[in-house]
Amino acid sequence: MSPAKDATHVAAGLKAAIHNPNVSDEAKDHAKERLDKMGVHVEDDHEKRVLAGYKATLNNDRTSDEAKEHAREVLEQAGALESESGKQEQVHDEHENRVLGGYKAALANPNVSEEAKERAAAVLEENGAL
């Protein structure tokens, strides 16, 4: 086995140890230290979920501007926000496209009521997607 593959396997094993509930906290800390020395950063699931929540805050129309600004600051500090406008606009556009795609699918779905199809058509017309 080549040294590069061996290091990859070692890192994978250390990551598995960190997430294994049967491994002691001391062993998990040791695994994290070894990964740090290898240049591998391991985000824990909680950190990922927290950052995902802040990202959702940025896209929520019901969230105040103050809350969005705080979320943006936290994401920038964590390095989870590529650019203030470009990435955000891309995420918003992708979400909007998926929503409109859902409405288009509703129009073709035989299991959707006529009332729901009318609502979908109205939303699509409002957004110039029909």
C-alpha atoms as a PDB file:
ATOM      1  CA  MET A   1       0.000   0.000   0.000  1.00  0.00           C
ATOM      2  CA  SER A   2       1.375   3.453  -0.834  1.00  0.00           C
ATOM      3  CA  PRO A   3       2.071   5.973   1.968  1.00  0.00           C
ATOM      4  CA  ALA A   4      -0.647   8.308   0.657  1.00  0.00           C
ATOM      5  CA  LYS A   5      -3.290   5.594   0.807  1.00  0.00           C
ATOM      6  CA  ASP A   6      -2.063   4.540   4.227  1.00  0.00           C
ATOM      7  CA  ALA A   7      -2.447   8.105   5.556  1.00  0.00           C
ATOM      8  CA  THR A   8      -5.928   8.244   4.050  1.00  0.00           C
ATOM      9  CA  HIS A   9      -6.902   5.028   5.813  1.00  0.00           C
ATOM     10  CA  VAL A  10      -5.399   6.236   9.089  1.00  0.00           C
ATOM     11  CA  ALA A  11      -7.373   9.488   8.861  1.00  0.00           C
ATOM     12  CA  ALA A  12     -10.565   7.567   8.090  1.00  0.00           C
ATOM     13  CA  GLY A  13     -10.016   5.333  11.103  1.00  0.00           C
ATOM     14  CA  LEU A  14      -9.387   8.324  13.367  1.00  0.00           C
ATOM     15  CA  LYS A  15     -12.547  10.024  12.107  1.00  0.00           C
ATOM     16  CA  ALA A  16     -14.514   6.855  12.766  1.00  0.00           C
ATOM     17  CA  ALA A  17     -13.132   6.720  16.311  1.00  0.00           C
ATOM     18  CA  ILE A  18     -14.246  10.302  16.962  1.00  0.00           C
ATOM     19  CA  HIS A  19     -17.832   9.462  15.989  1.00  0.00           C
ATOM     20  CA  ASN A  20     -17.970   6.078  17.709  1.00  0.00           C
ATOM     21  CA  PRO A  21     -20.079   6.230  20.916  1.00  0.00           C
ATOM     22  CA  ASN A  22     -18.084   3.318  22.385  1.00  0.00           C
ATOM     23  CA  VAL A  23     -14.771   5.231  22.266  1.00  0.00           C
ATOM     24  CA  SER A  24     -13.699   7.140  25.391  1.00  0.00           C
ATOM     25  CA  ASP A  25     -13.492  10.931  25.384  1.00  0.00           C
ATOM     26  CA  GLU A  26      -9.751  10.654  26.002  1.00  0.00           C
ATOM     27  CA  ALA A  27      -9.295   8.478  22.915  1.00  0.00           C
ATOM     28  CA  LYS A  28     -11.474  10.850  20.865  1.00  0.00           C
ATOM     29  CA  ASP A  29      -9.324  13.807  21.943  1.00  0.00           C
ATOM     30  CA  HIS A  30      -6.191  11.868  20.987  1.00  0.00           C
ATOM     31  CA  ALA A  31      -7.692  11.059  17.578  1.00  0.00           C
ATOM     32  CA  LYS A  32      -8.538  14.758  17.034  1.00  0.00           C
ATOM     33  CA  GLU A  33      -4.961  15.739  17.932  1.00  0.00           C
ATOM     34  CA  ARG A  34      -3.534  13.221  15.464  1.00  0.00           C
ATOM     35  CA  LEU A  35      -5.869  14.475  12.734  1.00  0.00           C
ATOM     36  CA  ASP A  36      -4.842  18.073  13.453  1.00  0.00           C
ATOM     37  CA  LYS A  37      -1.171  17.050  13.078  1.00  0.00           C
ATOM     38  CA  MET A  38      -2.089  15.434   9.764  1.00  0.00           C
ATOM     39  CA  GLY A  39      -3.738  18.685   8.659  1.00  0.00           C
ATOM     40  CA  VAL A  40      -7.244  17.221   8.698  1.00  0.00           C
ATOM     41  CA  HIS A  41      -9.950  19.321  10.351  1.00  0.00           C
ATOM     42  CA  VAL A  42     -12.960  17.462  11.711  1.00  0.00           C
ATOM     43  CA  GLU A  43     -16.152  19.413  12.272  1.00  0.00           C
ATOM     44  CA  ASP A  44     -18.481  17.784  14.715  1.00  0.00           C
ATOM     45  CA  ASP A  45     -22.110  17.247  13.805  1.00  0.00           C
ATOM     46  CA  HIS A  46     -23.305  19.868  16.258  1.00  0.00           C
ATOM     47  CA  GLU A  47     -21.146  22.561  14.665  1.00  0.00           C
ATOM     48  CA  LYS A  48     -22.438  21.615  11.212  1.00  0.00           C
ATOM     49  CA  ARG A  49     -26.046  21.818  12.397  1.00  0.00           C
ATOM     50  CA  VAL A  50     -25.507  25.189  14.071  1.00  0.00           C
ATOM     51  CA  LEU A  51     -23.959  26.637  10.905  1.00  0.00           C
ATOM     52  CA  ALA A  52     -26.775  25.153   8.813  1.00  0.00           C
ATOM     53  CA  GLY A  53     -29.252  26.931  11.089  1.00  0.00           C
ATOM     54  CA  TYR A  54     -27.505  30.245  10.535  1.00  0.00           C
ATOM     55  CA  LYS A  55     -27.531  29.627   6.774  1.00  0.00           C
ATOM     56  CA  ALA A  56     -31.266  28.945   6.956  1.00  0.00           C
ATOM     57  CA  THR A  57     -31.714  32.208   8.860  1.00  0.00           C
ATOM     58  CA  LEU A  58     -30.245  34.114   5.926  1.00  0.00           C
ATOM     59  CA  ASN A  59     -32.868  32.628   3.578  1.00  0.00           C
ATOM     60  CA  ASN A  60     -35.868  33.010   5.863  1.00  0.00           C
ATOM     61  CA  ASP A  61     -38.130  35.879   4.782  1.00  0.00           C
ATOM     62  CA  ARG A  62     -39.617  36.041   8.283  1.00  0.00           C
ATOM     63  CA  THR A  63     -36.253  36.679   9.966  1.00  0.00           C
ATOM     64  CA  SER A  64     -35.373  40.224  11.031  1.00  0.00           C
ATOM     65  CA  ASP A  65     -32.512  42.105   9.412  1.00  0.00           C
ATOM     66  CA  GLU A  66     -30.687  42.114  12.756  1.00  0.00           C
ATOM     67  CA  ALA A  67     -30.886  38.317  13.014  1.00  0.00           C
ATOM     68  CA  LYS A  68     -29.699  37.944   9.421  1.00  0.00           C
ATOM     69  CA  GLU A  69     -26.745  40.254  10.096  1.00  0.00           C
ATOM     70  CA  HIS A  70     -25.794  38.240  13.186  1.00  0.00           C
ATOM     71  CA  ALA A  71     -26.051  34.992  11.208  1.00  0.00           C
ATOM     72  CA  ARG A  72     -23.874  36.465   8.451  1.00  0.00           C
ATOM     73  CA  GLU A  73     -21.225  37.498  11.019  1.00  0.00           C
ATOM     74  CA  VAL A  74     -21.168  34.044  12.622  1.00  0.00           C
ATOM     75  CA  LEU A  75     -20.891  32.339   9.228  1.00  0.00           C
ATOM     76  CA  GLU A  76     -18.094  34.667   8.114  1.00  0.00           C
ATOM     77  CA  GLN A  77     -16.139  33.975  11.315  1.00  0.00           C
ATOM     78  CA  ALA A  78     -16.535  30.234  10.771  1.00  0.00           C
ATOM     79  CA  GLY A  79     -15.446  30.560   7.147  1.00  0.00           C
ATOM     80  CA  ALA A  80     -18.766  29.103   6.037  1.00  0.00           C
ATOM     81  CA  LEU A  81     -19.809  32.061   3.900  1.00  0.00           C
ATOM     82  CA  GLU A  82     -17.849  32.379   0.662  1.00  0.00           C
ATOM     83  CA  SER A  83     -18.884  35.850  -0.369  1.00  0.00           C
ATOM     84  CA  GLU A  84     -21.508  38.063   1.071  1.00  0.00           C
ATOM     85  CA  SER A  85     -23.509  38.504  -2.102  1.00  0.00           C
ATOM     86  CA  GLY A  86     -22.505  35.916  -4.703  1.00  0.00           C
ATOM     87  CA  LYS A  87     -23.000  32.729  -2.707  1.00  0.00           C
ATOM     88  CA  GLN A  88     -26.088  34.084  -0.948  1.00  0.00           C
ATOM     89  CA  GLU A  89     -27.745  35.032  -4.215  1.00  0.00           C
ATOM     90  CA  GLN A  90     -26.859  31.647  -5.690  1.00  0.00           C
ATOM     91  CA  VAL A  91     -28.400  29.805  -2.732  1.00  0.00           C
ATOM     92  CA  HIS A  92     -31.519  31.988  -2.906  1.00  0.00           C
ATOM     93  CA  ASP A  93     -31.824  31.475  -6.677  1.00  0.00           C
ATOM     94  CA  GLU A  94     -31.394  27.708  -6.337  1.00  0.00           C
ATOM     95  CA  HIS A  95     -34.079  27.610  -3.654  1.00  0.00           C
ATOM     96  CA  GLU A  96     -36.437  29.721  -5.756  1.00  0.00           C
ATOM     97  CA  ASN A  97     -35.843  27.478  -8.788  1.00  0.00           C
ATOM     98  CA  ARG A  98     -36.639  24.388  -6.745  1.00  0.00           C
ATOM     99  CA  VAL A  99     -39.829  25.933  -5.388  1.00  0.00           C
ATOM    100  CA  LEU A 100     -40.983  26.922  -8.872  1.00  0.00           C
ATOM    101  CA  GLY A 101     -40.044  23.452 -10.129  1.00  0.00           C
ATOM    102  CA  GLY A 102     -42.286  21.999  -7.458  1.00  0.00           C
ATOM    103  CA  TYR A 103     -45.176  24.129  -8.640  1.00  0.00           C
ATOM    104  CA  LYS A 104     -44.538  23.034 -12.238  1.00  0.00           C
ATOM    105  CA  ALA A 105     -44.538  19.412 -11.142  1.00  0.00           C
ATOM    106  CA  ALA A 106     -47.835  19.969  -9.332  1.00  0.00           C
ATOM    107  CA  LEU A 107     -49.446  21.056 -12.607  1.00  0.00           C
ATOM    108  CA  ALA A 108     -48.554  17.730 -14.230  1.00  0.00           C
ATOM    109  CA  ASN A 109     -49.361  15.537 -11.218  1.00  0.00           C
ATOM    110  CA  PRO A 110     -52.732  13.762 -11.585  1.00  0.00           C
ATOM    111  CA  ASN A 111     -52.967  13.389  -7.785  1.00  0.00           C
ATOM    112  CA  VAL A 112     -53.004  17.163  -7.194  1.00  0.00           C
ATOM    113  CA  SER A 113     -56.406  18.821  -6.779  1.00  0.00           C
ATOM    114  CA  GLU A 114     -57.656  21.369  -9.299  1.00  0.00           C
ATOM    115  CA  GLU A 115     -57.576  24.033  -6.581  1.00  0.00           C
ATOM    116  CA  ALA A 116     -53.893  23.317  -5.883  1.00  0.00           C
ATOM    117  CA  LYS A 117     -53.117  23.339  -9.609  1.00  0.00           C
ATOM    118  CA  GLU A 118     -54.786  26.743  -9.943  1.00  0.00           C
ATOM    119  CA  ARG A 119     -52.705  28.059  -7.039  1.00  0.00           C
ATOM    120  CA  ALA A 120     -49.532  26.625  -8.604  1.00  0.00           C
ATOM    121  CA  ALA A 121     -50.346  28.217 -11.954  1.00  0.00           C
ATOM    122  CA  ALA A 122     -50.956  31.579 -10.261  1.00  0.00           C
ATOM    123  CA  VAL A 123     -47.599  31.443  -8.460  1.00  0.00           C
ATOM    124  CA  LEU A 124     -45.821  30.465 -11.668  1.00  0.00           C
ATOM    125  CA  GLU A 125     -47.474  33.327 -13.567  1.00  0.00           C
ATOM    126  CA  GLU A 126     -46.506  35.813 -10.822  1.00  0.00           C
ATOM    127  CA  ASN A 127     -42.903  34.717 -11.188  1.00  0.00           C
ATOM    128  CA  GLY A 128     -42.865  34.646 -14.979  1.00  0.00           C
ATOM    129  CA  ALA A 129     -42.251  30.916 -15.016  1.00  0.00           C
ATOM    130  CA  LEU A 130     -45.319  29.775 -16.883  1.00  0.00           C
END
